[in-house]
Amino acid sequence: MVQHTDFLLSSPHGRDFAVDARWEADGQAKPVVVFVHGFKGFKDWGHFNLLADYFAHHGFVFVKLNLSHNGVEPDGTDLTNMEAFGNNNFCIELDDLGTVIDHLKNNPAQIPAQEMDPDYLFLIGHSRGGGLVLLKASEDSRITGVATWSAISDIDQRWSPEVMEQWQKTGVQYIANARTGQQMPLYYQLVENYLANRDRLNIAKAVEKIQMPLLIIHGEQDETLPVQMAHDLHAQNPFAELYLIPEGDHSFGGKHPYGEPHLPTPAQAAADKTIKFFQEAIARS
């Protein structure tokens, strides 16, 4: 039976954020997976709780978090805090992920010590979270292996020069959330943070540096981030494994809310491949 715990951690950037973990209590020390959502995402989006249970059933402690400035309040379940969302940036997200890793490596009270083996710590990132886990893996040697699902391959080509000029002039641009109808602000500090930290936030160079096991998964029907991005990442590190899912869209069949009792077929394909990849990485270590 899957055990489930929720807790809060404090971001070094001034906001608490929610984390949850799931595992099967059998007294065996299990490897840990940390799952990072993408832009406009959150830890309880769509099928992500089913995904957590699925990994728990396959012998992992599965941890997912709301990045501190993703727009979800510490006790919330959806995007409501637009001011926090607008003040998010890539370095905040990297530091949030570091906070989670530090916590898991330091005998967390929320997860029984006999149930987890933090010496085996893997990252999965979806969409923008995929870029995030690549950046973190390149700077943190404590990570055992990484899988990206529909990941971005760069940051600096997200916006046209015209958009950038207007953004700088007004200090904000708005992104529509088609699901909720919200106009979500992005303050220009996001660009300033990127420009001040270009080396740390260079995904292509990060991928080149990664020496741990790396799996790149992408749906061939991705309507948001073209599958070419997966090929670009693989070109930066040919030692990585590239796995394409022919019927996979950007969310691997997921939507929010998601009312089905089982994972979407493309999401299960991504999960099965990732589980096998992580198990093989452990066996080789």
C-alpha atoms as a PDB file:
ATOM      1  CA  MET A   1       0.000   0.000   0.000  1.00  0.00           C
ATOM      2  CA  VAL A   2       1.321   3.426  -0.968  1.00  0.00           C
ATOM      3  CA  GLN A   3       2.197   5.754   1.901  1.00  0.00           C
ATOM      4  CA  HIS A   4       1.775   9.487   1.334  1.00  0.00           C
ATOM      5  CA  THR A   5       3.144  12.497   3.173  1.00  0.00           C
ATOM      6  CA  ASP A   6       2.835  16.253   2.567  1.00  0.00           C
ATOM      7  CA  PHE A   7       5.163  18.894   3.974  1.00  0.00           C
ATOM      8  CA  LEU A   8       6.404  22.422   3.451  1.00  0.00           C
ATOM      9  CA  LEU A   9       9.913  23.667   2.768  1.00  0.00           C
ATOM     10  CA  SER A  10      11.153  27.258   2.790  1.00  0.00           C
ATOM     11  CA  SER A  11      12.625  28.795  -0.317  1.00  0.00           C
ATOM     12  CA  PRO A  12      15.729  30.951   0.133  1.00  0.00           C
ATOM     13  CA  HIS A  13      13.715  33.468  -1.891  1.00  0.00           C
ATOM     14  CA  GLY A  14      11.071  34.091   0.741  1.00  0.00           C
ATOM     15  CA  ARG A  15       8.186  31.714   0.078  1.00  0.00           C
ATOM     16  CA  ASP A  16       7.223  28.364   1.547  1.00  0.00           C
ATOM     17  CA  PHE A  17       6.371  25.671  -0.981  1.00  0.00           C
ATOM     18  CA  ALA A  18       4.574  22.344  -0.819  1.00  0.00           C
ATOM     19  CA  VAL A  19       6.236  18.961  -1.324  1.00  0.00           C
ATOM     20  CA  ASP A  20       4.783  15.464  -1.227  1.00  0.00           C
ATOM     21  CA  ALA A  21       6.293  11.999  -1.227  1.00  0.00           C
ATOM     22  CA  ARG A  22       4.875   8.543  -1.928  1.00  0.00           C
ATOM     23  CA  TRP A  23       6.349   5.101  -1.357  1.00  0.00           C
ATOM     24  CA  GLU A  24       5.385   1.542  -0.523  1.00  0.00           C
ATOM     25  CA  ALA A  25       6.241   0.785   3.096  1.00  0.00           C
ATOM     26  CA  ASP A  26       8.149  -2.506   3.050  1.00  0.00           C
ATOM     27  CA  GLY A  27      11.164  -1.685   5.186  1.00  0.00           C
ATOM     28  CA  GLN A  28      13.465  -1.704   2.148  1.00  0.00           C
ATOM     29  CA  ALA A  29      15.617   1.324   1.323  1.00  0.00           C
ATOM     30  CA  LYS A  30      14.409   2.610  -2.031  1.00  0.00           C
ATOM     31  CA  PRO A  31      15.933   5.037  -4.543  1.00  0.00           C
ATOM     32  CA  VAL A  32      14.432   8.518  -4.671  1.00  0.00           C
ATOM     33  CA  VAL A  33      12.933  10.302  -7.677  1.00  0.00           C
ATOM     34  CA  VAL A  34      12.251  14.049  -7.617  1.00  0.00           C
ATOM     35  CA  PHE A  35       9.738  15.216 -10.228  1.00  0.00           C
ATOM     36  CA  VAL A  36       9.740  18.853 -11.396  1.00  0.00           C
ATOM     37  CA  HIS A  37       6.723  20.362 -13.161  1.00  0.00           C
ATOM     38  CA  GLY A  38       6.926  22.819 -16.033  1.00  0.00           C
ATOM     39  CA  PHE A  39       5.775  26.350 -16.867  1.00  0.00           C
ATOM     40  CA  LYS A  40       2.164  26.893 -15.720  1.00  0.00           C
ATOM     41  CA  GLY A  41       2.410  23.482 -14.054  1.00  0.00           C
ATOM     42  CA  PHE A  42       2.160  22.302 -10.457  1.00  0.00           C
ATOM     43  CA  LYS A  43       2.717  19.110  -8.530  1.00  0.00           C
ATOM     44  CA  ASP A  44      -0.938  17.968  -8.479  1.00  0.00           C
ATOM     45  CA  TRP A  45      -1.628  18.760 -12.135  1.00  0.00           C
ATOM     46  CA  GLY A  46      -3.566  16.196 -14.153  1.00  0.00           C
ATOM     47  CA  HIS A  47      -2.244  12.658 -13.781  1.00  0.00           C
ATOM     48  CA  PHE A  48       0.819  13.501 -11.664  1.00  0.00           C
ATOM     49  CA  ASN A  49      -0.557  11.823  -8.528  1.00  0.00           C
ATOM     50  CA  LEU A  50      -1.196   8.637 -10.527  1.00  0.00           C
ATOM     51  CA  LEU A  51       2.354   8.942 -11.796  1.00  0.00           C
ATOM     52  CA  ALA A  52       3.658   9.191  -8.230  1.00  0.00           C
ATOM     53  CA  ASP A  53       1.734   6.068  -7.215  1.00  0.00           C
ATOM     54  CA  TYR A  54       3.030   4.231 -10.294  1.00  0.00           C
ATOM     55  CA  PHE A  55       6.658   4.908  -9.407  1.00  0.00           C
ATOM     56  CA  ALA A  56       5.965   3.981  -5.770  1.00  0.00           C
ATOM     57  CA  HIS A  57       4.545   0.627  -6.904  1.00  0.00           C
ATOM     58  CA  HIS A  58       7.774   0.064  -8.848  1.00  0.00           C
ATOM     59  CA  GLY A  59      10.062   0.525  -5.874  1.00  0.00           C
ATOM     60  CA  PHE A  60      10.846   4.233  -5.685  1.00  0.00           C
ATOM     61  CA  VAL A  61      10.226   7.035  -3.230  1.00  0.00           C
ATOM     62  CA  PHE A  62       8.588   9.561  -5.541  1.00  0.00           C
ATOM     63  CA  VAL A  63       8.819  13.219  -4.504  1.00  0.00           C
ATOM     64  CA  LYS A  64       7.194  16.149  -6.280  1.00  0.00           C
ATOM     65  CA  LEU A  65       7.108  19.817  -5.445  1.00  0.00           C
ATOM     66  CA  ASN A  66       5.473  23.095  -6.284  1.00  0.00           C
ATOM     67  CA  LEU A  67       8.276  25.432  -7.247  1.00  0.00           C
ATOM     68  CA  SER A  68       7.995  28.291  -4.760  1.00  0.00           C
ATOM     69  CA  HIS A  69       6.969  30.960  -7.275  1.00  0.00           C
ATOM     70  CA  ASN A  70       4.839  28.832  -9.611  1.00  0.00           C
ATOM     71  CA  GLY A  71       1.652  30.603  -8.508  1.00  0.00           C
ATOM     72  CA  VAL A  72       0.275  27.946  -6.147  1.00  0.00           C
ATOM     73  CA  GLU A  73      -0.045  28.903  -2.497  1.00  0.00           C
ATOM     74  CA  PRO A  74       1.586  26.577   0.083  1.00  0.00           C
ATOM     75  CA  ASP A  75      -1.850  25.154   0.956  1.00  0.00           C
ATOM     76  CA  GLY A  76      -3.298  25.550  -2.546  1.00  0.00           C
ATOM     77  CA  THR A  77      -4.057  23.210  -5.420  1.00  0.00           C
ATOM     78  CA  ASP A  78      -4.099  25.529  -8.438  1.00  0.00           C
ATOM     79  CA  LEU A  79      -2.569  28.693  -9.863  1.00  0.00           C
ATOM     80  CA  THR A  80      -3.950  31.657  -7.901  1.00  0.00           C
ATOM     81  CA  ASN A  81      -1.011  33.893  -6.884  1.00  0.00           C
ATOM     82  CA  MET A  82      -0.167  35.793 -10.026  1.00  0.00           C
ATOM     83  CA  GLU A  83       2.279  38.118  -8.266  1.00  0.00           C
ATOM     84  CA  ALA A  84       4.426  35.173  -7.198  1.00  0.00           C
ATOM     85  CA  PHE A  85       4.163  33.709 -10.705  1.00  0.00           C
ATOM     86  CA  GLY A  86       5.274  36.967 -12.278  1.00  0.00           C
ATOM     87  CA  ASN A  87       8.293  37.190  -9.987  1.00  0.00           C
ATOM     88  CA  ASN A  88       9.524  33.678 -10.724  1.00  0.00           C
ATOM     89  CA  ASN A  89      12.825  33.107 -12.506  1.00  0.00           C
ATOM     90  CA  PHE A  90      15.163  30.276 -13.393  1.00  0.00           C
ATOM     91  CA  CYS A  91      17.610  30.792 -10.535  1.00  0.00           C
ATOM     92  CA  ILE A  92      14.774  30.734  -7.990  1.00  0.00           C
ATOM     93  CA  GLU A  93      13.663  27.406  -9.458  1.00  0.00           C
ATOM     94  CA  LEU A  94      17.177  25.956  -9.342  1.00  0.00           C
ATOM     95  CA  ASP A  95      17.534  27.040  -5.729  1.00  0.00           C
ATOM     96  CA  ASP A  96      14.145  25.511  -4.851  1.00  0.00           C
ATOM     97  CA  LEU A  97      15.230  22.215  -6.345  1.00  0.00           C
ATOM     98  CA  GLY A  98      18.482  22.439  -4.389  1.00  0.00           C
ATOM     99  CA  THR A  99      16.471  22.984  -1.202  1.00  0.00           C
ATOM    100  CA  VAL A 100      14.534  19.767  -1.857  1.00  0.00           C
ATOM    101  CA  ILE A 101      17.696  17.788  -2.584  1.00  0.00           C
ATOM    102  CA  ASP A 102      19.363  19.115   0.574  1.00  0.00           C
ATOM    103  CA  HIS A 103      16.312  18.095   2.596  1.00  0.00           C
ATOM    104  CA  LEU A 104      16.201  14.579   1.158  1.00  0.00           C
ATOM    105  CA  LYS A 105      19.911  14.100   1.756  1.00  0.00           C
ATOM    106  CA  ASN A 106      19.591  15.123   5.412  1.00  0.00           C
ATOM    107  CA  ASN A 107      17.443  12.333   6.898  1.00  0.00           C
ATOM    108  CA  PRO A 108      14.050  13.997   6.414  1.00  0.00           C
ATOM    109  CA  ALA A 109      11.646  13.373   9.269  1.00  0.00           C
ATOM    110  CA  GLN A 110       8.727  12.973   6.859  1.00  0.00           C
ATOM    111  CA  ILE A 111      10.064   9.772   5.243  1.00  0.00           C
ATOM    112  CA  PRO A 112      11.162   6.824   7.428  1.00  0.00           C
ATOM    113  CA  ALA A 113      14.906   6.304   7.094  1.00  0.00           C
ATOM    114  CA  GLN A 114      14.506   2.582   6.453  1.00  0.00           C
ATOM    115  CA  GLU A 115      12.294   3.285   3.421  1.00  0.00           C
ATOM    116  CA  MET A 116      14.648   5.466   1.382  1.00  0.00           C
ATOM    117  CA  ASP A 117      18.203   5.372   0.067  1.00  0.00           C
ATOM    118  CA  PRO A 118      19.140   8.982  -0.710  1.00  0.00           C
ATOM    119  CA  ASP A 119      22.461   7.836  -2.203  1.00  0.00           C
ATOM    120  CA  TYR A 120      20.382   7.010  -5.285  1.00  0.00           C
ATOM    121  CA  LEU A 121      18.643  10.253  -6.203  1.00  0.00           C
ATOM    122  CA  PHE A 122      17.158  10.763  -9.658  1.00  0.00           C
ATOM    123  CA  LEU A 123      15.508  13.765 -11.310  1.00  0.00           C
ATOM    124  CA  ILE A 124      12.635  13.912 -13.801  1.00  0.00           C
ATOM    125  CA  GLY A 125      11.621  17.233 -15.316  1.00  0.00           C
ATOM    126  CA  HIS A 126       8.687  17.990 -17.608  1.00  0.00           C
ATOM    127  CA  SER A 127       8.813  20.800 -20.170  1.00  0.00           C
ATOM    128  CA  ARG A 128      10.559  23.804 -18.594  1.00  0.00           C
ATOM    129  CA  GLY A 129      11.215  21.535 -15.624  1.00  0.00           C
ATOM    130  CA  GLY A 130      13.203  19.355 -18.022  1.00  0.00           C
ATOM    131  CA  GLY A 131      15.573  22.207 -18.690  1.00  0.00           C
ATOM    132  CA  LEU A 132      15.737  22.834 -14.966  1.00  0.00           C
ATOM    133  CA  VAL A 133      16.801  19.291 -14.071  1.00  0.00           C
ATOM    134  CA  LEU A 134      19.488  19.379 -16.758  1.00  0.00           C
ATOM    135  CA  LEU A 135      20.894  22.593 -15.301  1.00  0.00           C
ATOM    136  CA  LYS A 136      20.770  21.197 -11.753  1.00  0.00           C
ATOM    137  CA  ALA A 137      22.391  17.895 -12.744  1.00  0.00           C
ATOM    138  CA  SER A 138      25.292  19.753 -14.316  1.00  0.00           C
ATOM    139  CA  GLU A 139      26.016  21.617 -11.068  1.00  0.00           C
ATOM    140  CA  ASP A 140      25.185  19.012  -8.396  1.00  0.00           C
ATOM    141  CA  SER A 141      27.233  15.808  -8.203  1.00  0.00           C
ATOM    142  CA  ARG A 142      24.810  14.221  -5.716  1.00  0.00           C
ATOM    143  CA  ILE A 143      22.368  13.354  -8.505  1.00  0.00           C
ATOM    144  CA  THR A 144      22.510   9.764  -9.786  1.00  0.00           C
ATOM    145  CA  GLY A 145      20.668  10.146 -13.072  1.00  0.00           C
ATOM    146  CA  VAL A 146      18.263  12.364 -15.011  1.00  0.00           C
ATOM    147  CA  ALA A 147      15.275  11.964 -17.310  1.00  0.00           C
ATOM    148  CA  THR A 148      13.674  14.778 -19.284  1.00  0.00           C
ATOM    149  CA  TRP A 149      10.096  14.605 -20.533  1.00  0.00           C
ATOM    150  CA  SER A 150       9.265  17.082 -23.334  1.00  0.00           C
ATOM    151  CA  ALA A 151      12.106  19.357 -22.231  1.00  0.00           C
ATOM    152  CA  ILE A 152      13.074  22.778 -23.472  1.00  0.00           C
ATOM    153  CA  SER A 153      16.494  22.770 -25.128  1.00  0.00           C
ATOM    154  CA  ASP A 154      17.348  26.430 -24.538  1.00  0.00           C
ATOM    155  CA  ILE A 155      16.194  29.538 -22.692  1.00  0.00           C
ATOM    156  CA  ASP A 156      17.499  32.456 -24.709  1.00  0.00           C
ATOM    157  CA  GLN A 157      15.484  31.725 -27.868  1.00  0.00           C
ATOM    158  CA  ARG A 158      12.069  31.795 -26.186  1.00  0.00           C
ATOM    159  CA  TRP A 159      11.140  35.330 -27.313  1.00  0.00           C
ATOM    160  CA  SER A 160      11.565  37.481 -30.412  1.00  0.00           C
ATOM    161  CA  PRO A 161      13.538  40.760 -30.330  1.00  0.00           C
ATOM    162  CA  GLU A 162      10.267  42.657 -30.772  1.00  0.00           C
ATOM    163  CA  VAL A 163       8.728  40.980 -27.719  1.00  0.00           C
ATOM    164  CA  MET A 164      11.883  41.622 -25.707  1.00  0.00           C
ATOM    165  CA  GLU A 165      11.919  45.331 -26.610  1.00  0.00           C
ATOM    166  CA  GLN A 166       8.280  45.806 -25.606  1.00  0.00           C
ATOM    167  CA  TRP A 167       8.761  43.716 -22.473  1.00  0.00           C
ATOM    168  CA  GLN A 168      11.657  45.863 -21.325  1.00  0.00           C
ATOM    169  CA  LYS A 169       9.691  49.037 -22.044  1.00  0.00           C
ATOM    170  CA  THR A 170       6.582  48.021 -20.091  1.00  0.00           C
ATOM    171  CA  GLY A 171       8.247  45.844 -17.449  1.00  0.00           C
ATOM    172  CA  VAL A 172       5.713  43.051 -17.920  1.00  0.00           C
ATOM    173  CA  GLN A 173       4.190  40.773 -20.519  1.00  0.00           C
ATOM    174  CA  TYR A 174       1.103  38.610 -20.065  1.00  0.00           C
ATOM    175  CA  ILE A 175       0.728  34.948 -20.940  1.00  0.00           C
ATOM    176  CA  ALA A 176      -2.757  33.513 -21.375  1.00  0.00           C
ATOM    177  CA  ASN A 177      -3.708  30.383 -19.462  1.00  0.00           C
ATOM    178  CA  ALA A 178      -6.158  28.734 -21.833  1.00  0.00           C
ATOM    179  CA  ARG A 179      -7.410  26.385 -19.106  1.00  0.00           C
ATOM    180  CA  THR A 180      -8.359  29.067 -16.564  1.00  0.00           C
ATOM    181  CA  GLY A 181      -8.692  32.207 -18.686  1.00  0.00           C
ATOM    182  CA  GLN A 182      -6.090  33.964 -16.517  1.00  0.00           C
ATOM    183  CA  GLN A 183      -3.720  36.569 -17.911  1.00  0.00           C
ATOM    184  CA  MET A 184      -0.501  35.549 -16.172  1.00  0.00           C
ATOM    185  CA  PRO A 185       2.184  38.228 -15.739  1.00  0.00           C
ATOM    186  CA  LEU A 186       5.861  37.745 -16.435  1.00  0.00           C
ATOM    187  CA  TYR A 187       7.900  40.626 -15.069  1.00  0.00           C
ATOM    188  CA  TYR A 188      11.043  41.715 -16.885  1.00  0.00           C
ATOM    189  CA  GLN A 189      13.131  40.580 -13.912  1.00  0.00           C
ATOM    190  CA  LEU A 190      12.974  37.110 -15.536  1.00  0.00           C
ATOM    191  CA  VAL A 191      15.079  38.414 -18.417  1.00  0.00           C
ATOM    192  CA  GLU A 192      17.403  40.348 -16.108  1.00  0.00           C
ATOM    193  CA  ASN A 193      17.969  37.214 -14.037  1.00  0.00           C
ATOM    194  CA  TYR A 194      18.774  35.230 -17.154  1.00  0.00           C
ATOM    195  CA  LEU A 195      21.182  37.826 -18.520  1.00  0.00           C
ATOM    196  CA  ALA A 196      22.982  38.044 -15.159  1.00  0.00           C
ATOM    197  CA  ASN A 197      23.328  34.239 -14.971  1.00  0.00           C
ATOM    198  CA  ARG A 198      23.826  33.165 -18.577  1.00  0.00           C
ATOM    199  CA  ASP A 199      26.578  30.681 -17.773  1.00  0.00           C
ATOM    200  CA  ARG A 200      24.583  28.943 -15.051  1.00  0.00           C
ATOM    201  CA  LEU A 201      21.480  28.888 -17.251  1.00  0.00           C
ATOM    202  CA  ASN A 202      23.063  27.614 -20.483  1.00  0.00           C
ATOM    203  CA  ILE A 203      21.210  24.351 -21.096  1.00  0.00           C
ATOM    204  CA  ALA A 204      23.352  23.277 -24.070  1.00  0.00           C
ATOM    205  CA  LYS A 205      26.576  23.572 -22.065  1.00  0.00           C
ATOM    206  CA  ALA A 206      24.919  21.875 -19.090  1.00  0.00           C
ATOM    207  CA  VAL A 207      23.966  18.878 -21.211  1.00  0.00           C
ATOM    208  CA  GLU A 208      27.509  18.632 -22.565  1.00  0.00           C
ATOM    209  CA  LYS A 209      28.865  18.514 -19.001  1.00  0.00           C
ATOM    210  CA  ILE A 210      26.515  15.823 -17.687  1.00  0.00           C
ATOM    211  CA  GLN A 211      28.341  12.539 -17.149  1.00  0.00           C
ATOM    212  CA  MET A 212      25.625  10.693 -15.207  1.00  0.00           C
ATOM    213  CA  PRO A 213      22.998   8.560 -16.982  1.00  0.00           C
ATOM    214  CA  LEU A 214      20.727  10.814 -19.040  1.00  0.00           C
ATOM    215  CA  LEU A 215      17.447   9.870 -20.724  1.00  0.00           C
ATOM    216  CA  ILE A 216      15.698  12.265 -23.125  1.00  0.00           C
ATOM    217  CA  ILE A 217      12.016  11.458 -23.756  1.00  0.00           C
ATOM    218  CA  HIS A 218       9.815  13.419 -26.116  1.00  0.00           C
ATOM    219  CA  GLY A 219       6.477  12.913 -27.825  1.00  0.00           C
ATOM    220  CA  GLU A 220       6.599  13.024 -31.594  1.00  0.00           C
ATOM    221  CA  GLN A 221       3.223  14.814 -31.585  1.00  0.00           C
ATOM    222  CA  ASP A 222       4.320  17.535 -29.136  1.00  0.00           C
ATOM    223  CA  GLU A 223       2.311  20.625 -30.033  1.00  0.00           C
ATOM    224  CA  THR A 224       4.136  22.941 -27.606  1.00  0.00           C
ATOM    225  CA  LEU A 225       7.828  22.089 -27.863  1.00  0.00           C
ATOM    226  CA  PRO A 226       8.802  20.485 -31.171  1.00  0.00           C
ATOM    227  CA  VAL A 227      10.481  17.103 -31.076  1.00  0.00           C
ATOM    228  CA  GLN A 228      13.529  18.740 -32.673  1.00  0.00           C
ATOM    229  CA  MET A 229      14.369  20.024 -29.192  1.00  0.00           C
ATOM    230  CA  ALA A 230      14.977  16.438 -28.071  1.00  0.00           C
ATOM    231  CA  HIS A 231      17.272  15.874 -31.029  1.00  0.00           C
ATOM    232  CA  ASP A 232      19.115  19.104 -30.185  1.00  0.00           C
ATOM    233  CA  LEU A 233      19.673  17.952 -26.593  1.00  0.00           C
ATOM    234  CA  HIS A 234      20.859  14.548 -27.777  1.00  0.00           C
ATOM    235  CA  ALA A 235      23.292  16.173 -30.192  1.00  0.00           C
ATOM    236  CA  GLN A 236      24.856  17.996 -27.239  1.00  0.00           C
ATOM    237  CA  ASN A 237      25.410  14.692 -25.419  1.00  0.00           C
ATOM    238  CA  PRO A 238      25.430  11.623 -27.682  1.00  0.00           C
ATOM    239  CA  PHE A 239      26.018   9.417 -24.624  1.00  0.00           C
ATOM    240  CA  ALA A 240      22.467  10.204 -23.549  1.00  0.00           C
ATOM    241  CA  GLU A 241      19.626   7.885 -24.560  1.00  0.00           C
ATOM    242  CA  LEU A 242      16.927   9.360 -26.786  1.00  0.00           C
ATOM    243  CA  TYR A 243      13.446   7.809 -26.575  1.00  0.00           C
ATOM    244  CA  LEU A 244      10.613   9.118 -28.739  1.00  0.00           C
ATOM    245  CA  ILE A 245       6.956   8.243 -28.192  1.00  0.00           C
ATOM    246  CA  PRO A 246       5.128   8.301 -31.554  1.00  0.00           C
ATOM    247  CA  GLU A 247       1.681   9.097 -30.108  1.00  0.00           C
ATOM    248  CA  GLY A 248       2.966  11.388 -27.356  1.00  0.00           C
ATOM    249  CA  ASP A 249       1.840  15.005 -27.155  1.00  0.00           C
ATOM    250  CA  HIS A 250       3.344  17.604 -24.826  1.00  0.00           C
ATOM    251  CA  SER A 251       1.627  16.277 -21.694  1.00  0.00           C
ATOM    252  CA  PHE A 252       1.785  12.599 -22.761  1.00  0.00           C
ATOM    253  CA  GLY A 253      -1.994  12.322 -22.868  1.00  0.00           C
ATOM    254  CA  GLY A 254      -2.646  14.189 -19.636  1.00  0.00           C
ATOM    255  CA  LYS A 255      -5.016  17.064 -18.949  1.00  0.00           C
ATOM    256  CA  HIS A 256      -6.261  18.958 -15.906  1.00  0.00           C
ATOM    257  CA  PRO A 257      -8.405  17.869 -14.289  1.00  0.00           C
ATOM    258  CA  TYR A 258      -7.773  14.214 -15.095  1.00  0.00           C
ATOM    259  CA  GLY A 259     -10.500  11.846 -13.936  1.00  0.00           C
ATOM    260  CA  GLU A 260      -9.357   8.480 -15.247  1.00  0.00           C
ATOM    261  CA  PRO A 261      -8.119   5.789 -12.803  1.00  0.00           C
ATOM    262  CA  HIS A 262      -5.063   4.879 -14.896  1.00  0.00           C
ATOM    263  CA  LEU A 263      -2.218   6.776 -16.509  1.00  0.00           C
ATOM    264  CA  PRO A 264      -2.652   7.920 -20.105  1.00  0.00           C
ATOM    265  CA  THR A 265      -0.977   5.429 -22.431  1.00  0.00           C
ATOM    266  CA  PRO A 266       1.840   7.789 -23.552  1.00  0.00           C
ATOM    267  CA  ALA A 267       2.528   8.792 -19.922  1.00  0.00           C
ATOM    268  CA  GLN A 268       2.767   5.150 -18.901  1.00  0.00           C
ATOM    269  CA  ALA A 269       5.169   4.527 -21.780  1.00  0.00           C
ATOM    270  CA  ALA A 270       7.345   7.410 -20.532  1.00  0.00           C
ATOM    271  CA  ALA A 271       7.135   6.119 -16.963  1.00  0.00           C
ATOM    272  CA  ASP A 272       7.990   2.528 -17.915  1.00  0.00           C
ATOM    273  CA  LYS A 273      11.014   3.626 -19.939  1.00  0.00           C
ATOM    274  CA  THR A 274      12.207   5.927 -17.140  1.00  0.00           C
ATOM    275  CA  ILE A 275      11.790   3.253 -14.455  1.00  0.00           C
ATOM    276  CA  LYS A 276      13.783   0.754 -16.504  1.00  0.00           C
ATOM    277  CA  PHE A 277      16.470   3.349 -17.227  1.00  0.00           C
ATOM    278  CA  PHE A 278      16.863   4.269 -13.555  1.00  0.00           C
ATOM    279  CA  GLN A 279      16.907   0.608 -12.490  1.00  0.00           C
ATOM    280  CA  GLU A 280      19.654  -0.102 -15.012  1.00  0.00           C
ATOM    281  CA  ALA A 281      21.649   2.909 -13.755  1.00  0.00           C
ATOM    282  CA  ILE A 282      21.459   1.509 -10.222  1.00  0.00           C
ATOM    283  CA  ALA A 283      22.516  -1.953 -11.389  1.00  0.00           C
ATOM    284  CA  ARG A 284      25.570  -0.495 -13.130  1.00  0.00           C
ATOM    285  CA  SER A 285      26.667   1.636 -10.180  1.00  0.00           C
END
